[in-house]
């Protein structure tokens, strides 16, 4: 039956039970912020960062190191004023041994011969020349004769110290050393290093020239130093820290 009366229709609508509303789900809670890392305790030291690896060393140059070529201009002028006779030789090079500007030395001041001729650097030649002038004074004073020649055993030679192949290279390997085995004179017998009897003028002369060499060379070894130098004077110009000299 279709109800058309408006008053009756309104009464029926008011009498109709209300439909219950379905509750909405509770809102989703927001995600909590991440917890902050706890600060280090003041009693605990902060962690030390891992050390960085050491820097890589510079690459070494390939091949042999080029020797420093000295400027011998002033040295050669001094040799000329001293009366030294020496002529330049081609550069010496033998593995780690050698000298860029060697000299062949044949005569020292006052006409004292070098027998046989020595192969030395200009620096070592000048030291030998200046020492030889003192040798002359000591010979005239102690023996009554001037030296005629200085007898040489070794100058340049590519070898280790004391001829030990495992040892550090000798200054002989750089033409920077000379071994003296004796002196000759006009009118008297020669003096040979290491063979003169104690208490004789010859022995006193030998000791005096050995001591005097310390004023001109950075290394002086001879009788009394060790067994390897009992029969000659080893004289060289090896440079050492703080100008240290070895005189024995």
Protein backbone atom coordinates (compact mmCIF):
# COMPACT_ATOMS: atom_id res chain seq x y z
CA UNK A 1 0.00 0.00 0.00
CA UNK A 2 1.36 3.31 -1.02
CA UNK A 3 1.10 5.94 1.70
CA UNK A 4 0.62 9.34 0.27
CA UNK A 5 -0.50 11.28 3.32
CA UNK A 6 2.46 13.45 4.36
CA UNK A 7 1.73 13.51 8.08
CA UNK A 8 1.46 9.78 8.26
CA UNK A 9 4.68 9.32 6.21
CA UNK A 10 6.61 11.57 8.59
CA UNK A 11 5.35 9.64 11.58
CA UNK A 12 6.51 6.36 10.09
CA UNK A 13 9.99 7.73 9.35
CA UNK A 14 10.37 8.96 12.89
CA UNK A 15 9.29 5.59 14.27
CA UNK A 16 11.97 3.72 12.17
CA UNK A 17 14.98 2.72 14.29
CA UNK A 18 18.30 4.53 13.48
CA UNK A 19 21.10 2.54 11.91
CA UNK A 20 24.15 2.36 14.19
CA UNK A 21 27.32 3.87 12.72
CA UNK A 22 30.37 1.56 12.41
CA UNK A 23 33.25 3.06 14.45
CA UNK A 24 36.44 4.02 12.52
CA UNK A 25 39.72 2.29 13.42
CA UNK A 26 41.98 4.26 15.70
CA UNK A 27 44.59 6.37 13.89
CA UNK A 28 47.94 4.63 13.23
CA UNK A 29 50.53 5.92 15.60
CA UNK A 30 53.53 7.70 14.04
CA UNK A 31 56.83 5.72 13.88
CA UNK A 32 59.03 6.85 16.77
CA UNK A 33 62.26 8.63 15.77
CA UNK A 34 65.44 6.51 15.89
CA UNK A 35 67.12 6.57 19.23
CA UNK A 36 70.21 8.76 19.37
CA UNK A 37 73.57 7.03 19.92
CA UNK A 38 74.67 7.47 23.48
CA UNK A 39 77.44 10.03 23.93
CA UNK A 40 80.79 8.54 24.97
CA UNK A 41 81.35 8.53 28.64
CA UNK A 42 83.77 11.23 29.78
CA UNK A 43 85.77 8.47 31.45
CA UNK A 44 86.19 6.56 28.21
CA UNK A 45 88.55 8.02 25.52
CA UNK A 46 87.14 8.58 22.10
CA UNK A 47 88.08 5.81 19.65
CA UNK A 48 91.38 6.49 17.82
CA UNK A 49 91.09 6.45 14.02
CA UNK A 50 93.10 3.80 12.21
CA UNK A 51 96.55 5.15 11.14
CA UNK A 52 97.12 5.90 7.49
CA UNK A 53 99.68 3.81 5.63
CA UNK A 54 103.13 5.42 5.30
CA UNK A 55 103.81 7.50 2.23
CA UNK A 56 105.47 5.68 -0.59
CA UNK A 57 109.13 6.65 -0.87
CA UNK A 58 110.32 8.42 -3.95
CA UNK A 59 111.44 6.13 -6.71
CA UNK A 60 115.20 5.67 -6.95
CA UNK A 61 116.70 6.60 -10.30
CA UNK A 62 117.40 3.69 -12.56
CA UNK A 63 120.98 2.85 -13.37
CA UNK A 64 124.20 4.07 -11.75
CA UNK A 65 124.22 7.41 -9.98
CA UNK A 66 126.05 10.08 -11.96
CA UNK A 67 129.07 11.27 -9.95
CA UNK A 68 129.37 14.92 -9.07
CA UNK A 69 132.04 16.51 -11.25
CA UNK A 70 134.15 18.86 -9.11
CA UNK A 71 135.36 22.25 -10.24
CA UNK A 72 139.14 21.85 -9.92
CA UNK A 73 140.07 25.21 -11.42
CA UNK A 74 141.32 26.76 -8.17
CA UNK A 75 142.91 23.49 -7.03
CA UNK A 76 144.91 23.17 -10.24
CA UNK A 77 146.17 26.72 -9.89
CA UNK A 78 147.41 25.93 -6.40
CA UNK A 79 149.20 22.82 -7.67
CA UNK A 80 150.92 24.91 -10.30
CA UNK A 81 152.11 27.43 -7.71
CA UNK A 82 153.43 24.56 -5.55
CA UNK A 83 155.47 23.22 -8.46
CA UNK A 84 153.55 19.96 -8.81
CA UNK A 85 153.76 18.17 -12.13
CA UNK A 86 150.48 16.46 -12.98
CA UNK A 87 148.49 15.91 -16.14
CA UNK A 88 144.75 15.25 -16.48
CA UNK A 89 143.55 11.76 -17.31
CA UNK A 90 140.28 10.59 -18.86
CA UNK A 91 137.48 9.93 -16.35
CA UNK A 92 137.76 6.65 -14.46
CA UNK A 93 134.67 4.45 -14.28
CA UNK A 94 134.55 0.85 -13.13
CA UNK A 95 131.18 -0.05 -11.64
CA UNK A 96 130.89 1.91 -8.38
CA UNK A 97 134.57 2.87 -8.58
CA UNK A 98 135.97 5.81 -10.46
CA UNK A 99 136.85 9.49 -10.51
CA UNK A 100 135.54 12.12 -12.95
CA UNK A 101 138.74 14.23 -13.07
CA UNK A 102 141.81 12.18 -12.11
CA UNK A 103 145.39 13.38 -12.41
CA UNK A 104 148.59 11.52 -13.18
CA UNK A 105 151.02 12.92 -10.62
CA UNK A 106 154.75 12.57 -11.38
CA UNK A 107 156.51 15.25 -9.30
CA UNK A 108 155.91 17.06 -6.02
CA UNK A 109 157.34 20.40 -4.78
CA UNK A 110 161.13 20.81 -4.71
CA UNK A 111 161.52 18.25 -7.50
CA UNK A 112 160.59 15.23 -5.33
CA UNK A 113 159.60 12.44 -7.70
CA UNK A 114 156.51 10.26 -7.30
CA UNK A 115 157.65 6.70 -8.01
CA UNK A 116 155.74 5.23 -9.72
CA UNK A 117 153.39 7.97 -10.90
CA UNK A 118 150.18 8.18 -8.86
CA UNK A 119 146.60 8.50 -10.09
CA UNK A 120 144.79 10.84 -7.69
CA UNK A 121 142.11 13.49 -7.47
CA UNK A 122 143.26 17.10 -7.38
CA UNK A 123 142.29 17.35 -3.70
CA UNK A 124 144.37 14.31 -2.72
CA UNK A 125 147.26 15.55 -4.88
CA UNK A 126 147.30 18.91 -3.11
CA UNK A 127 147.32 17.22 0.31
CA UNK A 128 150.23 15.00 -0.79
CA UNK A 129 152.15 17.98 -2.16
CA UNK A 130 151.76 20.11 0.96
CA UNK A 131 152.69 17.17 3.21
CA UNK A 132 155.80 16.49 1.10
CA UNK A 133 157.15 19.97 1.86
CA UNK A 134 157.00 19.09 5.58
CA UNK A 135 158.63 15.72 4.87
CA UNK A 136 161.55 17.53 3.31
CA UNK A 137 162.04 19.69 6.42
CA UNK A 138 161.88 16.66 8.72
CA UNK A 139 164.32 14.67 6.54
CA UNK A 140 166.89 17.46 6.44
CA UNK A 141 166.58 18.02 10.16
CA UNK A 142 166.57 14.38 11.27
CA UNK A 143 168.62 12.62 8.60
CA UNK A 144 170.71 15.38 7.08
CA UNK A 145 169.42 14.68 3.56
CA UNK A 146 166.53 15.88 1.43
CA UNK A 147 164.24 13.24 -0.06
CA UNK A 148 164.70 12.45 -3.73
CA UNK A 149 161.49 10.49 -4.26
CA UNK A 150 158.35 9.24 -2.54
CA UNK A 151 157.79 5.55 -3.18
CA UNK A 152 154.17 4.66 -3.93
CA UNK A 153 152.55 1.25 -3.51
CA UNK A 154 148.97 2.07 -4.49
CA UNK A 155 146.94 5.06 -5.60
CA UNK A 156 143.81 4.38 -7.67
CA UNK A 157 142.56 0.79 -7.38
CA UNK A 158 138.98 -0.49 -7.47
CA UNK A 159 138.78 -2.58 -4.30
CA UNK A 160 137.31 -2.83 -0.82
CA UNK A 161 138.99 -1.64 2.34
CA UNK A 162 142.01 -3.77 3.26
CA UNK A 163 141.41 -5.65 0.00
CA UNK A 164 138.34 -7.34 1.49
CA UNK A 165 135.81 -7.92 -1.33
CA UNK A 166 132.94 -7.86 1.21
CA UNK A 167 134.05 -4.58 2.83
CA UNK A 168 133.04 -1.02 2.02
CA UNK A 169 134.87 0.45 -0.95
CA UNK A 170 138.24 1.94 -0.11
CA UNK A 171 139.06 5.55 -0.91
CA UNK A 172 141.56 4.02 -3.35
CA UNK A 173 138.49 3.14 -5.43
CA UNK A 174 137.86 6.86 -5.96
CA UNK A 175 141.49 7.94 -6.57
CA UNK A 176 141.28 9.65 -3.21
CA UNK A 177 144.01 7.70 -1.36
CA UNK A 178 147.69 6.87 -1.64
CA UNK A 179 149.89 4.29 0.09
CA UNK A 180 153.47 5.37 0.84
CA UNK A 181 156.06 2.61 1.35
CA UNK A 182 159.21 4.71 1.69
CA UNK A 183 161.51 7.52 0.62
CA UNK A 184 164.76 7.65 -1.33
CA UNK A 185 167.60 10.14 -0.86
CA UNK A 186 170.70 11.20 -2.72
CA UNK A 187 173.76 10.09 -0.81
CA UNK A 188 172.21 7.71 1.70
CA UNK A 189 170.10 4.55 1.98
CA UNK A 190 166.32 4.76 1.53
CA UNK A 191 163.90 4.72 4.43
CA UNK A 192 161.33 1.94 4.20
CA UNK A 193 158.14 2.22 6.26
CA UNK A 194 157.80 -0.39 8.97
CA UNK A 195 161.35 -1.81 8.74
CA UNK A 196 163.44 0.72 10.68
CA UNK A 197 164.73 -0.32 14.12
CA UNK A 198 163.36 1.52 17.14
CA UNK A 199 165.61 4.22 18.51
CA UNK A 200 167.24 5.02 15.15
CA UNK A 201 167.04 8.34 13.30
CA UNK A 202 165.17 6.53 10.52
CA UNK A 203 162.49 5.30 12.92
CA UNK A 204 162.14 8.78 14.40
CA UNK A 205 161.81 10.25 10.89
CA UNK A 206 159.13 7.70 10.00
CA UNK A 207 157.11 8.49 13.15
CA UNK A 208 157.44 12.23 12.52
CA UNK A 209 156.21 12.13 8.92
CA UNK A 210 153.30 9.88 9.94
CA UNK A 211 152.24 12.33 12.65
CA UNK A 212 152.68 15.33 10.33
CA UNK A 213 150.39 13.75 7.72
CA UNK A 214 147.45 14.20 10.09
CA UNK A 215 147.53 17.94 9.38
CA UNK A 216 146.93 17.38 5.66
CA UNK A 217 144.89 14.17 5.27
CA UNK A 218 141.57 13.16 6.81
CA UNK A 219 142.74 9.56 7.28
CA UNK A 220 146.24 8.48 8.31
CA UNK A 221 146.99 4.82 9.05
CA UNK A 222 150.39 3.21 9.39
CA UNK A 223 152.65 1.21 11.71
CA UNK A 224 150.92 1.00 15.08
CA UNK A 225 147.42 1.29 13.61
CA UNK A 226 146.80 -2.37 12.75
CA UNK A 227 148.48 -5.31 11.08
CA UNK A 228 147.15 -4.33 7.63
CA UNK A 229 149.07 -1.03 7.73
CA UNK A 230 152.29 -2.17 9.36
CA UNK A 231 154.45 -1.64 6.26
CA UNK A 232 153.05 1.54 4.68
CA UNK A 233 151.31 4.84 5.32
CA UNK A 234 147.75 4.97 4.09
CA UNK A 235 146.72 8.58 3.43
CA UNK A 236 143.29 9.57 2.14
CA UNK A 237 140.82 12.45 1.95
CA UNK A 238 137.63 10.67 2.96
CA UNK A 239 135.03 13.18 4.17
CA UNK A 240 133.39 12.45 7.53
CA UNK A 241 130.60 14.14 9.49
CA UNK A 242 131.58 17.32 11.33
CA UNK A 243 135.05 17.24 9.77
CA UNK A 244 136.15 14.25 11.88
CA UNK A 245 139.62 12.90 11.10
CA UNK A 246 141.09 9.46 11.72
CA UNK A 247 144.77 9.65 12.64
CA UNK A 248 146.43 6.49 14.00
